Amino acid sequence: MTMRAMGFLAVLLAAGCATFDGRTLVPGQSSAKEVVALMGEPALVLKQPAGETLQYHERYLAGPAMFVARIGADGRLRAIDQRLVYANIHAVKEGMRAADVRELLGPPLSVSRLPRLQFDVWEYPWRHAVRELRVLFVHFDDNGQVRRIVERHDYERDPEDGPFP
């Protein structure tokens, strides 16, 4: 069996065990425990002022994607949405605070330090279209404000013959 076929089989088996996007969950009916049971432990949980909770479920290796389950104060799912999409990626602007970027996009795949520039760089891989992998680099100064944004094709994650057969 070829490596490509074995990889495809592994993906199919994994897909049978869980849904990565939570599409089988029902807003208004599914509980926060059901969300975690289906989607796994969240990478980040943010409490909102009105009692709502945002659970960030990262799928960097299987997407890449960042799904956010909005849980109401009653413990029930309100909605699930994908955060690493064109509109959100391009909503990141210079001057934004790190907390606002984290709430909008979720936790980054990685954080690096550029000591000479005194910037922390957050990396967000995302998919612009079916065949186009992209990466967003958000540079923060020591005050936690966005100072530079770099978004480009993700050549490092594309296989040599393209991202898909």
C-alpha atoms as a PDB file:
ATOM      1  CA  MET A   1       0.000   0.000   0.000  1.00  0.00           C
ATOM      2  CA  THR A   2       1.390   3.424  -0.875  1.00  0.00           C
ATOM      3  CA  MET A   3       2.132   6.054   1.759  1.00  0.00           C
ATOM      4  CA  ARG A   4      -0.573   8.300   0.312  1.00  0.00           C
ATOM      5  CA  ALA A   5      -3.198   5.533   0.570  1.00  0.00           C
ATOM      6  CA  MET A   6      -2.123   4.699   4.123  1.00  0.00           C
ATOM      7  CA  GLY A   7      -2.392   8.362   5.092  1.00  0.00           C
ATOM      8  CA  PHE A   8      -5.870   8.598   3.560  1.00  0.00           C
ATOM      9  CA  LEU A   9      -6.946   5.481   5.466  1.00  0.00           C
ATOM     10  CA  ALA A  10      -5.651   6.944   8.731  1.00  0.00           C
ATOM     11  CA  VAL A  11      -7.634  10.129   8.146  1.00  0.00           C
ATOM     12  CA  LEU A  12     -10.801   8.131   7.466  1.00  0.00           C
ATOM     13  CA  LEU A  13     -10.342   6.103  10.648  1.00  0.00           C
ATOM     14  CA  ALA A  14      -9.772   9.229  12.717  1.00  0.00           C
ATOM     15  CA  ALA A  15     -12.820  10.885  11.183  1.00  0.00           C
ATOM     16  CA  GLY A  16     -14.942   7.946  12.310  1.00  0.00           C
ATOM     17  CA  CYS A  17     -13.917   8.526  15.926  1.00  0.00           C
ATOM     18  CA  ALA A  18     -14.742  12.219  16.232  1.00  0.00           C
ATOM     19  CA  THR A  19     -15.944  15.226  14.315  1.00  0.00           C
ATOM     20  CA  PHE A  20     -13.385  17.976  14.217  1.00  0.00           C
ATOM     21  CA  ASP A  21     -15.887  20.763  13.629  1.00  0.00           C
ATOM     22  CA  GLY A  22     -18.629  19.719  16.060  1.00  0.00           C
ATOM     23  CA  ARG A  23     -21.243  19.562  13.293  1.00  0.00           C
ATOM     24  CA  THR A  24     -23.211  16.857  15.120  1.00  0.00           C
ATOM     25  CA  LEU A  25     -23.724  19.105  18.151  1.00  0.00           C
ATOM     26  CA  VAL A  26     -27.049  20.948  18.410  1.00  0.00           C
ATOM     27  CA  PRO A  27     -27.087  24.606  19.552  1.00  0.00           C
ATOM     28  CA  GLY A  28     -29.507  25.113  22.416  1.00  0.00           C
ATOM     29  CA  GLN A  29     -29.497  21.396  23.257  1.00  0.00           C
ATOM     30  CA  SER A  30     -25.908  20.124  23.500  1.00  0.00           C
ATOM     31  CA  SER A  31     -24.134  20.693  26.802  1.00  0.00           C
ATOM     32  CA  ALA A  32     -20.608  21.966  27.403  1.00  0.00           C
ATOM     33  CA  LYS A  33     -19.662  18.427  28.505  1.00  0.00           C
ATOM     34  CA  GLU A  34     -20.917  17.028  25.185  1.00  0.00           C
ATOM     35  CA  VAL A  35     -18.814  19.594  23.319  1.00  0.00           C
ATOM     36  CA  VAL A  36     -15.672  18.497  25.184  1.00  0.00           C
ATOM     37  CA  ALA A  37     -16.534  14.802  24.781  1.00  0.00           C
ATOM     38  CA  LEU A  38     -16.841  15.218  21.006  1.00  0.00           C
ATOM     39  CA  MET A  39     -14.217  17.877  20.235  1.00  0.00           C
ATOM     40  CA  GLY A  40     -11.694  17.212  23.005  1.00  0.00           C
ATOM     41  CA  GLU A  41     -10.320  19.496  25.675  1.00  0.00           C
ATOM     42  CA  PRO A  42     -10.215  23.138  24.538  1.00  0.00           C
ATOM     43  CA  ALA A  43      -6.855  24.781  23.906  1.00  0.00           C
ATOM     44  CA  LEU A  44      -8.197  27.963  25.508  1.00  0.00           C
ATOM     45  CA  VAL A  45     -11.266  28.940  27.528  1.00  0.00           C
ATOM     46  CA  LEU A  46     -12.293  32.590  27.828  1.00  0.00           C
ATOM     47  CA  LYS A  47     -15.030  33.797  30.165  1.00  0.00           C
ATOM     48  CA  GLN A  48     -17.166  36.620  28.807  1.00  0.00           C
ATOM     49  CA  PRO A  49     -18.773  39.364  30.941  1.00  0.00           C
ATOM     50  CA  ALA A  50     -22.373  38.197  30.334  1.00  0.00           C
ATOM     51  CA  GLY A  51     -21.601  34.684  31.621  1.00  0.00           C
ATOM     52  CA  GLU A  52     -20.911  33.157  28.216  1.00  0.00           C
ATOM     53  CA  THR A  53     -17.771  31.009  27.784  1.00  0.00           C
ATOM     54  CA  LEU A  54     -15.711  30.659  24.615  1.00  0.00           C
ATOM     55  CA  GLN A  55     -14.021  27.261  24.162  1.00  0.00           C
ATOM     56  CA  TYR A  56     -11.275  27.263  21.499  1.00  0.00           C
ATOM     57  CA  HIS A  57     -10.662  23.888  19.836  1.00  0.00           C
ATOM     58  CA  GLU A  58      -7.576  23.972  17.621  1.00  0.00           C
ATOM     59  CA  ARG A  59      -7.184  21.780  14.569  1.00  0.00           C
ATOM     60  CA  TYR A  60      -3.861  23.016  13.204  1.00  0.00           C
ATOM     61  CA  LEU A  61      -2.809  19.593  11.938  1.00  0.00           C
ATOM     62  CA  ALA A  62      -6.202  18.590  10.539  1.00  0.00           C
ATOM     63  CA  GLY A  63      -7.288  21.750   8.805  1.00  0.00           C
ATOM     64  CA  PRO A  64      -5.832  24.034   9.805  1.00  0.00           C
ATOM     65  CA  ALA A  65      -8.779  25.400  11.760  1.00  0.00           C
ATOM     66  CA  MET A  66      -9.759  26.947  15.085  1.00  0.00           C
ATOM     67  CA  PHE A  67     -13.319  26.166  16.154  1.00  0.00           C
ATOM     68  CA  VAL A  68     -14.916  28.213  18.917  1.00  0.00           C
ATOM     69  CA  ALA A  69     -17.834  26.790  20.848  1.00  0.00           C
ATOM     70  CA  ARG A  70     -19.888  29.510  22.520  1.00  0.00           C
ATOM     71  CA  ILE A  71     -21.366  28.137  25.742  1.00  0.00           C
ATOM     72  CA  GLY A  72     -24.144  30.093  27.443  1.00  0.00           C
ATOM     73  CA  ALA A  73     -24.373  30.791  31.161  1.00  0.00           C
ATOM     74  CA  ASP A  74     -26.804  27.843  31.333  1.00  0.00           C
ATOM     75  CA  GLY A  75     -24.058  25.442  30.157  1.00  0.00           C
ATOM     76  CA  ARG A  76     -25.662  24.888  26.734  1.00  0.00           C
ATOM     77  CA  LEU A  77     -23.998  25.312  23.356  1.00  0.00           C
ATOM     78  CA  ARG A  78     -25.022  28.543  21.599  1.00  0.00           C
ATOM     79  CA  ALA A  79     -22.972  28.197  18.397  1.00  0.00           C
ATOM     80  CA  ILE A  80     -19.766  26.874  16.876  1.00  0.00           C
ATOM     81  CA  ASP A  81     -17.779  28.889  14.376  1.00  0.00           C
ATOM     82  CA  GLN A  82     -14.462  28.619  12.584  1.00  0.00           C
ATOM     83  CA  ARG A  83     -12.195  31.547  13.460  1.00  0.00           C
ATOM     84  CA  LEU A  84      -9.315  31.104  10.987  1.00  0.00           C
ATOM     85  CA  VAL A  85     -11.211  32.526   8.020  1.00  0.00           C
ATOM     86  CA  TYR A  86     -10.446  35.358   5.599  1.00  0.00           C
ATOM     87  CA  ALA A  87     -12.634  37.967   7.340  1.00  0.00           C
ATOM     88  CA  ASN A  88     -11.089  37.368  10.768  1.00  0.00           C
ATOM     89  CA  ILE A  89      -7.514  37.085   9.465  1.00  0.00           C
ATOM     90  CA  HIS A  90      -7.888  40.451   7.750  1.00  0.00           C
ATOM     91  CA  ALA A  91      -9.613  42.028  10.768  1.00  0.00           C
ATOM     92  CA  VAL A  92      -6.285  41.956  12.632  1.00  0.00           C
ATOM     93  CA  LYS A  93      -4.897  45.512  12.478  1.00  0.00           C
ATOM     94  CA  GLU A  94      -1.896  47.359  13.815  1.00  0.00           C
ATOM     95  CA  GLY A  95      -2.577  48.744  17.278  1.00  0.00           C
ATOM     96  CA  MET A  96      -4.836  45.866  18.379  1.00  0.00           C
ATOM     97  CA  ARG A  97      -4.145  44.359  21.781  1.00  0.00           C
ATOM     98  CA  ALA A  98      -2.884  40.786  22.145  1.00  0.00           C
ATOM     99  CA  ALA A  99      -6.001  39.859  24.147  1.00  0.00           C
ATOM    100  CA  ASP A 100      -8.230  41.031  21.280  1.00  0.00           C
ATOM    101  CA  VAL A 101      -6.267  39.010  18.708  1.00  0.00           C
ATOM    102  CA  ARG A 102      -6.404  35.939  20.960  1.00  0.00           C
ATOM    103  CA  GLU A 103     -10.171  36.307  21.367  1.00  0.00           C
ATOM    104  CA  LEU A 104     -10.668  36.790  17.614  1.00  0.00           C
ATOM    105  CA  LEU A 105      -8.380  34.002  16.334  1.00  0.00           C
ATOM    106  CA  GLY A 106      -7.673  31.816  19.358  1.00  0.00           C
ATOM    107  CA  PRO A 107      -4.305  30.655  20.627  1.00  0.00           C
ATOM    108  CA  PRO A 108      -1.535  30.667  18.005  1.00  0.00           C
ATOM    109  CA  LEU A 109       0.231  27.555  16.765  1.00  0.00           C
ATOM    110  CA  SER A 110       3.515  28.992  18.029  1.00  0.00           C
ATOM    111  CA  VAL A 111       5.011  32.079  19.643  1.00  0.00           C
ATOM    112  CA  SER A 112       8.541  33.230  18.780  1.00  0.00           C
ATOM    113  CA  ARG A 113      10.667  36.064  20.098  1.00  0.00           C
ATOM    114  CA  LEU A 114      12.587  38.446  17.837  1.00  0.00           C
ATOM    115  CA  PRO A 115      15.005  39.929  20.400  1.00  0.00           C
ATOM    116  CA  ARG A 116      16.563  42.610  18.194  1.00  0.00           C
ATOM    117  CA  LEU A 117      13.172  43.989  17.199  1.00  0.00           C
ATOM    118  CA  GLN A 118      11.754  43.321  20.677  1.00  0.00           C
ATOM    119  CA  PHE A 119       8.715  41.624  19.138  1.00  0.00           C
ATOM    120  CA  ASP A 120       6.827  38.455  19.991  1.00  0.00           C
ATOM    121  CA  VAL A 121       5.501  36.772  16.843  1.00  0.00           C
ATOM    122  CA  TRP A 122       2.327  34.665  16.877  1.00  0.00           C
ATOM    123  CA  GLU A 123       1.905  32.187  14.015  1.00  0.00           C
ATOM    124  CA  TYR A 124      -1.511  31.195  12.651  1.00  0.00           C
ATOM    125  CA  PRO A 125      -1.634  28.703   9.778  1.00  0.00           C
ATOM    126  CA  TRP A 126      -4.947  28.795   7.920  1.00  0.00           C
ATOM    127  CA  ARG A 127      -6.584  27.669   4.689  1.00  0.00           C
ATOM    128  CA  HIS A 128      -7.725  30.401   2.296  1.00  0.00           C
ATOM    129  CA  ALA A 129      -9.186  28.049  -0.276  1.00  0.00           C
ATOM    130  CA  VAL A 130      -9.356  24.311  -0.754  1.00  0.00           C
ATOM    131  CA  ARG A 131      -5.856  24.197  -2.235  1.00  0.00           C
ATOM    132  CA  GLU A 132      -4.215  27.235  -0.670  1.00  0.00           C
ATOM    133  CA  LEU A 133      -2.495  27.048   2.693  1.00  0.00           C
ATOM    134  CA  ARG A 134      -1.627  30.431   4.203  1.00  0.00           C
ATOM    135  CA  VAL A 135       0.120  31.627   7.346  1.00  0.00           C
ATOM    136  CA  LEU A 136      -0.397  34.792   9.362  1.00  0.00           C
ATOM    137  CA  PHE A 137       2.406  36.198  11.516  1.00  0.00           C
ATOM    138  CA  VAL A 138       1.318  38.835  14.041  1.00  0.00           C
ATOM    139  CA  HIS A 139       4.158  40.861  15.622  1.00  0.00           C
ATOM    140  CA  PHE A 140       3.524  42.300  19.104  1.00  0.00           C
ATOM    141  CA  ASP A 141       5.644  44.875  20.901  1.00  0.00           C
ATOM    142  CA  ASP A 142       6.485  44.555  24.593  1.00  0.00           C
ATOM    143  CA  ASN A 143       3.280  46.456  25.456  1.00  0.00           C
ATOM    144  CA  GLY A 144       1.199  43.704  23.811  1.00  0.00           C
ATOM    145  CA  GLN A 145       0.106  45.748  20.788  1.00  0.00           C
ATOM    146  CA  VAL A 146       0.195  44.620  17.160  1.00  0.00           C
ATOM    147  CA  ARG A 147       3.036  46.411  15.360  1.00  0.00           C
ATOM    148  CA  ARG A 148       3.356  44.378  12.180  1.00  0.00           C
ATOM    149  CA  ILE A 149       1.270  41.844  10.251  1.00  0.00           C
ATOM    150  CA  VAL A 150       2.702  39.455   7.662  1.00  0.00           C
ATOM    151  CA  GLU A 151       0.403  37.116   5.744  1.00  0.00           C
ATOM    152  CA  ARG A 152       1.676  34.829   2.981  1.00  0.00           C
ATOM    153  CA  HIS A 153       1.430  31.499   1.219  1.00  0.00           C
ATOM    154  CA  ASP A 154       2.596  28.715   3.544  1.00  0.00           C
ATOM    155  CA  TYR A 155       5.356  27.096   1.497  1.00  0.00           C
ATOM    156  CA  GLU A 156       6.676  25.142   4.499  1.00  0.00           C
ATOM    157  CA  ARG A 157       3.485  23.105   4.941  1.00  0.00           C
ATOM    158  CA  ASP A 158       2.826  22.469   1.245  1.00  0.00           C
ATOM    159  CA  PRO A 159       4.227  19.190  -0.027  1.00  0.00           C
ATOM    160  CA  GLU A 160       6.490  19.444  -3.050  1.00  0.00           C
ATOM    161  CA  ASP A 161       3.728  18.395  -5.474  1.00  0.00           C
ATOM    162  CA  GLY A 162       1.096  20.686  -3.909  1.00  0.00           C
ATOM    163  CA  PRO A 163      -1.106  20.334  -0.848  1.00  0.00           C
ATOM    164  CA  PHE A 164      -3.534  17.809  -2.422  1.00  0.00           C
ATOM    165  CA  PRO A 165      -3.397  14.994  -4.986  1.00  0.00           C
END
